[in-house]
Amino acid sequence: MKLGSTSQRHQKPFNLEADLFWPIAFAFFLSLTMLLVAFIYLIKAQPELPILYTFDSTRGPLMKKWWLLLLPAITLLFNSINLVLMIELKNRLEHLLLSLFVKANLLITSIMFIALLRIIYITW
């Protein structure tokens, strides 16, 4: 028996694919779903949409319907940058920080998805 073999057996090596794959995959799935929903809705959408609509100010500016693609584009860009950062930083950061990073990414993507659905609901 080698010296130190028992300590290596008890340590779980960090594996990005096994530990954090599903939140990253779900965030990309939401982003691609957003893109698909936005493209499908653009066919039926009015020429101008209240992209910046809030409940405080119902008289928000109307924008061209093509601006609806901004939300999926932002989330895809955000998810891609975060994936590259995760791959680069997986050996430098602790597992807890990487987990929080991935879950924050998923939360932001979910909020953008809900915002897109809300705009579609308002203008349906």
N, C-alpha and C. Protein backbone atom coordinates (compact mmCIF):
# COMPACT_ATOMS: atom_id res chain seq x y z
N MET A 1 0.84 -1.17 0.00
CA MET A 1 0.00 0.00 0.00
C MET A 1 0.89 1.24 0.00
N LYS A 2 0.60 2.15 -0.87
CA LYS A 2 1.38 3.38 -0.97
C LYS A 2 0.95 4.37 0.10
N LEU A 3 1.90 5.17 0.48
CA LEU A 3 1.60 6.22 1.42
C LEU A 3 0.77 7.30 0.71
N GLY A 4 -0.34 7.70 1.27
CA GLY A 4 -1.16 8.74 0.67
C GLY A 4 -2.26 8.21 -0.23
N SER A 5 -2.34 6.91 -0.46
CA SER A 5 -3.37 6.38 -1.34
C SER A 5 -4.75 6.43 -0.69
N THR A 6 -4.80 6.37 0.65
CA THR A 6 -6.10 6.43 1.31
C THR A 6 -6.67 7.84 1.25
N SER A 7 -5.84 8.87 1.32
CA SER A 7 -6.37 10.22 1.26
C SER A 7 -6.86 10.55 -0.14
N GLN A 8 -6.25 10.00 -1.17
CA GLN A 8 -6.70 10.25 -2.52
C GLN A 8 -8.03 9.55 -2.79
N ARG A 9 -8.25 8.44 -2.11
CA ARG A 9 -9.49 7.70 -2.33
C ARG A 9 -10.69 8.48 -1.79
N HIS A 10 -10.51 9.26 -0.74
CA HIS A 10 -11.61 9.97 -0.11
C HIS A 10 -11.87 11.34 -0.73
N GLN A 11 -10.93 11.85 -1.48
CA GLN A 11 -11.14 13.15 -2.11
C GLN A 11 -11.89 12.96 -3.41
N LYS A 12 -12.94 13.78 -3.58
CA LYS A 12 -13.72 13.72 -4.80
C LYS A 12 -13.20 14.80 -5.75
N PRO A 13 -12.66 14.42 -6.89
CA PRO A 13 -12.16 15.43 -7.81
C PRO A 13 -13.32 16.20 -8.43
N PHE A 14 -13.10 17.47 -8.64
CA PHE A 14 -14.13 18.31 -9.23
C PHE A 14 -14.19 18.08 -10.73
N ASN A 15 -15.39 17.81 -11.21
CA ASN A 15 -15.59 17.55 -12.62
C ASN A 15 -16.72 18.45 -13.10
N LEU A 16 -16.41 19.41 -13.95
CA LEU A 16 -17.41 20.37 -14.42
C LEU A 16 -18.56 19.68 -15.12
N GLU A 17 -18.27 18.68 -15.91
CA GLU A 17 -19.32 18.01 -16.66
C GLU A 17 -20.30 17.28 -15.75
N ALA A 18 -19.80 16.65 -14.71
CA ALA A 18 -20.67 15.86 -13.84
C ALA A 18 -21.40 16.72 -12.82
N ASP A 19 -20.75 17.72 -12.24
CA ASP A 19 -21.34 18.48 -11.15
C ASP A 19 -22.25 19.63 -11.61
N LEU A 20 -21.87 20.31 -12.66
CA LEU A 20 -22.58 21.52 -13.05
C LEU A 20 -23.12 21.48 -14.47
N PHE A 21 -23.17 20.32 -15.07
CA PHE A 21 -23.61 20.22 -16.46
C PHE A 21 -25.08 20.58 -16.63
N TRP A 22 -25.96 20.06 -15.77
CA TRP A 22 -27.39 20.24 -15.98
C TRP A 22 -27.85 21.69 -15.83
N PRO A 23 -27.38 22.47 -14.86
CA PRO A 23 -27.79 23.88 -14.85
C PRO A 23 -27.33 24.65 -16.09
N ILE A 24 -26.12 24.36 -16.55
CA ILE A 24 -25.62 25.02 -17.76
C ILE A 24 -26.44 24.59 -18.97
N ALA A 25 -26.72 23.30 -19.07
CA ALA A 25 -27.50 22.79 -20.20
C ALA A 25 -28.91 23.36 -20.18
N PHE A 26 -29.52 23.46 -19.00
CA PHE A 26 -30.87 24.01 -18.91
C PHE A 26 -30.88 25.50 -19.27
N ALA A 27 -29.86 26.24 -18.88
CA ALA A 27 -29.77 27.66 -19.25
C ALA A 27 -29.66 27.82 -20.77
N PHE A 28 -28.85 26.99 -21.41
CA PHE A 28 -28.77 27.04 -22.87
C PHE A 28 -30.08 26.61 -23.51
N PHE A 29 -30.75 25.62 -22.93
CA PHE A 29 -32.05 25.19 -23.44
C PHE A 29 -33.06 26.34 -23.36
N LEU A 30 -33.09 27.04 -22.23
CA LEU A 30 -33.98 28.20 -22.10
C LEU A 30 -33.66 29.28 -23.12
N SER A 31 -32.38 29.52 -23.35
CA SER A 31 -31.98 30.54 -24.32
C SER A 31 -32.41 30.18 -25.73
N LEU A 32 -32.21 28.93 -26.10
CA LEU A 32 -32.63 28.50 -27.43
C LEU A 32 -34.14 28.47 -27.57
N THR A 33 -34.83 28.12 -26.49
CA THR A 33 -36.30 28.17 -26.50
C THR A 33 -36.78 29.60 -26.65
N MET A 34 -36.11 30.53 -25.97
CA MET A 34 -36.45 31.94 -26.12
C MET A 34 -36.30 32.40 -27.57
N LEU A 35 -35.20 32.00 -28.18
CA LEU A 35 -34.96 32.37 -29.57
C LEU A 35 -36.04 31.81 -30.48
N LEU A 36 -36.41 30.57 -30.28
CA LEU A 36 -37.44 29.94 -31.09
C LEU A 36 -38.79 30.62 -30.88
N VAL A 37 -39.17 30.87 -29.64
CA VAL A 37 -40.44 31.53 -29.33
C VAL A 37 -40.47 32.94 -29.92
N ALA A 38 -39.37 33.66 -29.81
CA ALA A 38 -39.33 35.03 -30.35
C ALA A 38 -39.47 35.02 -31.87
N PHE A 39 -38.79 34.09 -32.54
CA PHE A 39 -38.92 34.01 -34.00
C PHE A 39 -40.35 33.65 -34.42
N ILE A 40 -40.96 32.71 -33.71
CA ILE A 40 -42.33 32.32 -34.04
C ILE A 40 -43.28 33.48 -33.78
N TYR A 41 -43.10 34.20 -32.68
CA TYR A 41 -44.00 35.30 -32.36
C TYR A 41 -43.81 36.49 -33.30
N LEU A 42 -42.62 36.66 -33.86
CA LEU A 42 -42.40 37.78 -34.78
C LEU A 42 -43.31 37.72 -35.99
N ILE A 43 -43.72 36.53 -36.38
CA ILE A 43 -44.62 36.40 -37.53
C ILE A 43 -45.98 37.03 -37.22
N LYS A 44 -46.47 36.85 -36.01
CA LYS A 44 -47.79 37.34 -35.62
C LYS A 44 -47.76 38.71 -34.92
N ALA A 45 -46.62 39.14 -34.49
CA ALA A 45 -46.52 40.34 -33.65
C ALA A 45 -46.93 41.61 -34.39
N GLN A 46 -47.35 42.58 -33.60
CA GLN A 46 -47.65 43.90 -34.12
C GLN A 46 -46.35 44.54 -34.63
N PRO A 47 -46.45 45.58 -35.44
CA PRO A 47 -45.22 46.22 -35.93
C PRO A 47 -44.38 46.86 -34.82
N GLU A 48 -45.05 47.32 -33.75
CA GLU A 48 -44.34 47.92 -32.62
C GLU A 48 -44.79 47.26 -31.33
N LEU A 49 -43.82 46.99 -30.46
CA LEU A 49 -44.09 46.31 -29.19
C LEU A 49 -43.57 47.13 -28.02
N PRO A 50 -44.24 47.03 -26.86
CA PRO A 50 -43.75 47.71 -25.65
C PRO A 50 -42.65 46.90 -24.96
N ILE A 51 -41.46 46.93 -25.51
CA ILE A 51 -40.35 46.15 -24.97
C ILE A 51 -39.97 46.62 -23.56
N LEU A 52 -40.05 47.91 -23.32
CA LEU A 52 -39.66 48.48 -22.02
C LEU A 52 -40.86 48.75 -21.12
N TYR A 53 -41.94 48.01 -21.29
CA TYR A 53 -43.16 48.18 -20.51
C TYR A 53 -42.94 47.79 -19.05
N THR A 54 -43.43 48.64 -18.14
CA THR A 54 -43.42 48.31 -16.72
C THR A 54 -44.79 48.65 -16.15
N PHE A 55 -45.10 48.10 -14.98
CA PHE A 55 -46.38 48.40 -14.36
C PHE A 55 -46.42 49.82 -13.81
N ASP A 56 -45.28 50.41 -13.49
CA ASP A 56 -45.24 51.77 -12.98
C ASP A 56 -45.61 52.77 -14.07
N SER A 57 -45.12 52.52 -15.26
CA SER A 57 -45.37 53.42 -16.37
C SER A 57 -45.92 52.62 -17.53
N THR A 58 -47.23 52.65 -17.71
CA THR A 58 -47.85 51.88 -18.78
C THR A 58 -47.71 52.57 -20.14
N ARG A 59 -47.13 53.75 -20.16
CA ARG A 59 -46.96 54.48 -21.40
C ARG A 59 -45.51 54.44 -21.86
N GLY A 60 -44.92 53.27 -21.78
CA GLY A 60 -43.53 53.09 -22.21
C GLY A 60 -43.40 53.24 -23.72
N PRO A 61 -42.20 53.49 -24.18
CA PRO A 61 -42.00 53.67 -25.61
C PRO A 61 -42.21 52.37 -26.39
N LEU A 62 -42.78 52.51 -27.56
CA LEU A 62 -42.94 51.35 -28.43
C LEU A 62 -41.70 51.22 -29.31
N MET A 63 -41.31 50.00 -29.55
CA MET A 63 -40.11 49.75 -30.35
C MET A 63 -40.49 48.78 -31.47
N LYS A 64 -39.67 48.76 -32.51
CA LYS A 64 -39.90 47.83 -33.61
C LYS A 64 -39.90 46.40 -33.08
N LYS A 65 -40.67 45.53 -33.73
CA LYS A 65 -40.81 44.17 -33.23
C LYS A 65 -39.51 43.37 -33.28
N TRP A 66 -38.57 43.77 -34.10
CA TRP A 66 -37.30 43.06 -34.19
C TRP A 66 -36.47 43.20 -32.91
N TRP A 67 -36.78 44.20 -32.09
CA TRP A 67 -36.08 44.36 -30.81
C TRP A 67 -36.42 43.24 -29.84
N LEU A 68 -37.47 42.48 -30.14
CA LEU A 68 -37.83 41.34 -29.30
C LEU A 68 -36.74 40.28 -29.33
N LEU A 69 -35.95 40.25 -30.40
CA LEU A 69 -34.85 39.28 -30.49
C LEU A 69 -33.67 39.66 -29.61
N LEU A 70 -33.72 40.85 -29.03
CA LEU A 70 -32.63 41.29 -28.15
C LEU A 70 -32.53 40.42 -26.90
N LEU A 71 -33.66 40.05 -26.32
CA LEU A 71 -33.64 39.23 -25.10
C LEU A 71 -32.98 37.86 -25.33
N PRO A 72 -33.37 37.10 -26.35
CA PRO A 72 -32.67 35.83 -26.57
C PRO A 72 -31.20 36.02 -26.95
N ALA A 73 -30.90 37.07 -27.69
CA ALA A 73 -29.50 37.31 -28.08
C ALA A 73 -28.65 37.61 -26.85
N ILE A 74 -29.18 38.40 -25.93
CA ILE A 74 -28.44 38.72 -24.70
C ILE A 74 -28.21 37.46 -23.88
N THR A 75 -29.24 36.63 -23.73
CA THR A 75 -29.07 35.42 -22.92
C THR A 75 -28.11 34.43 -23.56
N LEU A 76 -28.17 34.29 -24.89
CA LEU A 76 -27.22 33.39 -25.54
C LEU A 76 -25.79 33.88 -25.39
N LEU A 77 -25.59 35.18 -25.55
CA LEU A 77 -24.26 35.76 -25.37
C LEU A 77 -23.80 35.60 -23.92
N PHE A 78 -24.68 35.88 -22.99
CA PHE A 78 -24.36 35.77 -21.57
C PHE A 78 -24.01 34.32 -21.19
N ASN A 79 -24.81 33.37 -21.67
CA ASN A 79 -24.54 31.96 -21.38
C ASN A 79 -23.23 31.49 -22.01
N SER A 80 -22.95 31.96 -23.22
CA SER A 80 -21.70 31.56 -23.88
C SER A 80 -20.48 32.11 -23.15
N ILE A 81 -20.55 33.36 -22.74
CA ILE A 81 -19.44 33.96 -21.99
C ILE A 81 -19.25 33.25 -20.66
N ASN A 82 -20.35 32.94 -19.97
CA ASN A 82 -20.26 32.24 -18.69
C ASN A 82 -19.71 30.83 -18.85
N LEU A 83 -20.06 30.15 -19.94
CA LEU A 83 -19.53 28.81 -20.16
C LEU A 83 -18.02 28.86 -20.39
N VAL A 84 -17.57 29.82 -21.16
CA VAL A 84 -16.13 29.97 -21.39
C VAL A 84 -15.42 30.30 -20.08
N LEU A 85 -16.00 31.20 -19.29
CA LEU A 85 -15.40 31.53 -17.99
C LEU A 85 -15.38 30.32 -17.06
N MET A 86 -16.44 29.53 -17.07
CA MET A 86 -16.49 28.34 -16.22
C MET A 86 -15.38 27.36 -16.60
N ILE A 87 -15.19 27.15 -17.89
CA ILE A 87 -14.16 26.22 -18.33
C ILE A 87 -12.77 26.74 -17.96
N GLU A 88 -12.57 28.05 -18.10
CA GLU A 88 -11.26 28.63 -17.78
C GLU A 88 -10.98 28.67 -16.28
N LEU A 89 -12.02 28.90 -15.48
CA LEU A 89 -11.83 29.11 -14.04
C LEU A 89 -12.10 27.87 -13.19
N LYS A 90 -12.41 26.74 -13.80
CA LYS A 90 -12.80 25.58 -12.99
C LYS A 90 -11.68 25.07 -12.10
N ASN A 91 -10.44 25.30 -12.46
CA ASN A 91 -9.33 24.85 -11.62
C ASN A 91 -8.86 25.92 -10.64
N ARG A 92 -9.33 27.14 -10.80
CA ARG A 92 -8.86 28.24 -9.94
C ARG A 92 -9.86 28.61 -8.84
N LEU A 93 -11.12 28.29 -9.02
CA LEU A 93 -12.13 28.65 -8.03
C LEU A 93 -12.64 27.42 -7.29
N GLU A 94 -13.16 27.64 -6.11
CA GLU A 94 -13.73 26.55 -5.34
C GLU A 94 -15.06 26.12 -5.95
N HIS A 95 -15.46 24.92 -5.59
CA HIS A 95 -16.68 24.35 -6.15
C HIS A 95 -17.90 25.19 -5.78
N LEU A 96 -17.96 25.69 -4.56
CA LEU A 96 -19.10 26.50 -4.13
C LEU A 96 -19.25 27.75 -4.98
N LEU A 97 -18.14 28.44 -5.27
CA LEU A 97 -18.21 29.65 -6.10
C LEU A 97 -18.65 29.33 -7.52
N LEU A 98 -18.16 28.23 -8.06
CA LEU A 98 -18.58 27.84 -9.40
C LEU A 98 -20.05 27.47 -9.42
N SER A 99 -20.50 26.80 -8.38
CA SER A 99 -21.91 26.43 -8.29
C SER A 99 -22.80 27.67 -8.21
N LEU A 100 -22.39 28.64 -7.39
CA LEU A 100 -23.15 29.90 -7.32
C LEU A 100 -23.14 30.64 -8.64
N PHE A 101 -22.02 30.63 -9.33
CA PHE A 101 -21.88 31.27 -10.62
C PHE A 101 -22.85 30.66 -11.64
N VAL A 102 -22.92 29.34 -11.66
CA VAL A 102 -23.81 28.65 -12.60
C VAL A 102 -25.27 28.89 -12.24
N LYS A 103 -25.59 28.86 -10.96
CA LYS A 103 -26.98 29.06 -10.55
C LYS A 103 -27.43 30.50 -10.77
N ALA A 104 -26.54 31.46 -10.61
CA ALA A 104 -26.87 32.85 -10.92
C ALA A 104 -27.11 33.01 -12.43
N ASN A 105 -26.33 32.33 -13.23
CA ASN A 105 -26.52 32.34 -14.67
C ASN A 105 -27.89 31.80 -15.03
N LEU A 106 -28.28 30.69 -14.41
CA LEU A 106 -29.59 30.09 -14.66
C LEU A 106 -30.71 31.01 -14.19
N LEU A 107 -30.53 31.68 -13.07
CA LEU A 107 -31.53 32.61 -12.57
C LEU A 107 -31.73 33.78 -13.52
N ILE A 108 -30.65 34.36 -14.01
CA ILE A 108 -30.76 35.49 -14.94
C ILE A 108 -31.41 35.06 -16.24
N THR A 109 -31.06 33.88 -16.73
CA THR A 109 -31.68 33.37 -17.95
C THR A 109 -33.17 33.14 -17.74
N SER A 110 -33.55 32.63 -16.58
CA SER A 110 -34.96 32.40 -16.28
C SER A 110 -35.73 33.71 -16.20
N ILE A 111 -35.13 34.73 -15.61
CA ILE A 111 -35.78 36.04 -15.52
C ILE A 111 -35.99 36.63 -16.92
N MET A 112 -35.00 36.49 -17.78
CA MET A 112 -35.14 36.99 -19.15
C MET A 112 -36.22 36.20 -19.91
N PHE A 113 -36.32 34.91 -19.66
CA PHE A 113 -37.34 34.08 -20.29
C PHE A 113 -38.73 34.53 -19.84
N ILE A 114 -38.89 34.80 -18.56
CA ILE A 114 -40.17 35.28 -18.03
C ILE A 114 -40.50 36.65 -18.61
N ALA A 115 -39.49 37.52 -18.77
CA ALA A 115 -39.72 38.84 -19.36
C ALA A 115 -40.20 38.70 -20.80
N LEU A 116 -39.63 37.78 -21.56
CA LEU A 116 -40.07 37.56 -22.94
C LEU A 116 -41.51 37.06 -22.96
N LEU A 117 -41.84 36.11 -22.10
CA LEU A 117 -43.21 35.60 -22.05
C LEU A 117 -44.19 36.69 -21.63
N ARG A 118 -43.76 37.56 -20.75
CA ARG A 118 -44.62 38.66 -20.31
C ARG A 118 -44.89 39.64 -21.45
N ILE A 119 -43.88 39.97 -22.22
CA ILE A 119 -44.08 40.86 -23.37
C ILE A 119 -45.02 40.22 -24.38
N ILE A 120 -44.86 38.94 -24.61
CA ILE A 120 -45.75 38.25 -25.55
C ILE A 120 -47.17 38.22 -25.00
N TYR A 121 -47.31 37.97 -23.71
CA TYR A 121 -48.65 37.95 -23.09
C TYR A 121 -49.33 39.31 -23.18
N ILE A 122 -48.59 40.38 -22.96
CA ILE A 122 -49.15 41.72 -23.00
C ILE A 122 -49.64 42.08 -24.40
N THR A 123 -48.91 41.65 -25.41
CA THR A 123 -49.23 42.08 -26.78
C THR A 123 -49.99 41.03 -27.59
N TRP A 124 -50.39 39.93 -26.97
CA TRP A 124 -51.08 38.88 -27.71
C TRP A 124 -52.40 39.35 -28.22
